[in-house]
């Protein structure tokens, strides 16, 4: 369990690096789920794709 937690923490940190790469920079915004108050950015999508791809490679998930 300890090794799995380390892997998940590492994935989270790497996703954080993706988010920080765009900090205080211009990025596109889109409305998510047809709700005018539910926004998602290209940065959110990039981090989400990274996380999902990494999690899908884990044998213990």
Protein backbone atom coordinates (compact mmCIF):
# COMPACT_ATOMS: atom_id res chain seq x y z
CA UNK A 1 0.00 0.00 0.00
CA UNK A 2 2.83 2.40 0.78
CA UNK A 3 4.32 2.07 -2.72
CA UNK A 4 0.92 2.67 -4.32
CA UNK A 5 0.48 5.84 -2.28
CA UNK A 6 3.90 7.11 -3.39
CA UNK A 7 2.96 6.50 -7.02
CA UNK A 8 -0.35 8.35 -6.66
CA UNK A 9 1.38 11.26 -4.90
CA UNK A 10 3.94 11.45 -7.71
CA UNK A 11 1.18 11.54 -10.33
CA UNK A 12 -0.49 14.36 -8.39
CA UNK A 13 2.75 16.34 -8.20
CA UNK A 14 3.38 15.93 -11.93
CA UNK A 15 -0.17 17.10 -12.67
CA UNK A 16 0.52 20.10 -10.43
CA UNK A 17 3.57 20.90 -12.56
CA UNK A 18 1.34 20.92 -15.63
CA UNK A 19 -1.01 23.36 -13.91
CA UNK A 20 1.82 25.60 -12.71
CA UNK A 21 3.29 25.74 -16.22
CA UNK A 22 0.25 27.86 -17.17
CA UNK A 23 0.00 29.91 -13.96
CA UNK A 24 -0.69 33.59 -14.72
CA UNK A 25 -0.76 32.92 -18.47
CA UNK A 26 -3.59 33.17 -20.95
CA UNK A 27 -5.64 30.04 -21.50
CA UNK A 28 -8.93 29.20 -23.14
CA UNK A 29 -12.12 28.65 -21.17
CA UNK A 30 -15.05 26.49 -22.16
CA UNK A 31 -18.42 25.82 -20.65
CA UNK A 32 -18.60 22.30 -19.26
CA UNK A 33 -21.76 20.17 -19.23
CA UNK A 34 -23.98 22.91 -20.74
CA UNK A 35 -23.95 24.79 -17.43
CA UNK A 36 -23.01 28.45 -17.91
CA UNK A 37 -21.39 28.51 -14.46
CA UNK A 38 -19.31 25.35 -14.93
CA UNK A 39 -16.06 26.33 -16.68
CA UNK A 40 -13.11 24.21 -17.70
CA UNK A 41 -9.86 25.42 -19.23
CA UNK A 42 -7.44 23.83 -21.65
CA UNK A 43 -5.10 23.57 -18.66
CA UNK A 44 -7.68 21.59 -16.68
CA UNK A 45 -8.12 19.24 -19.61
CA UNK A 46 -4.37 18.72 -20.06
CA UNK A 47 -3.89 17.87 -16.38
CA UNK A 48 -6.95 15.61 -16.41
CA UNK A 49 -5.71 13.69 -19.45
CA UNK A 50 -2.31 13.21 -17.80
CA UNK A 51 -3.84 11.90 -14.57
CA UNK A 52 -6.24 9.51 -16.32
CA UNK A 53 -3.53 8.14 -18.62
CA UNK A 54 -1.18 7.49 -15.69
CA UNK A 55 -3.86 5.90 -13.51
CA UNK A 56 -4.92 3.62 -16.37
CA UNK A 57 -1.40 2.16 -16.49
CA UNK A 58 -1.38 1.19 -12.82
CA UNK A 59 -1.74 -2.53 -12.14
CA UNK A 60 -3.37 -2.01 -8.74
CA UNK A 61 -6.29 0.12 -9.96
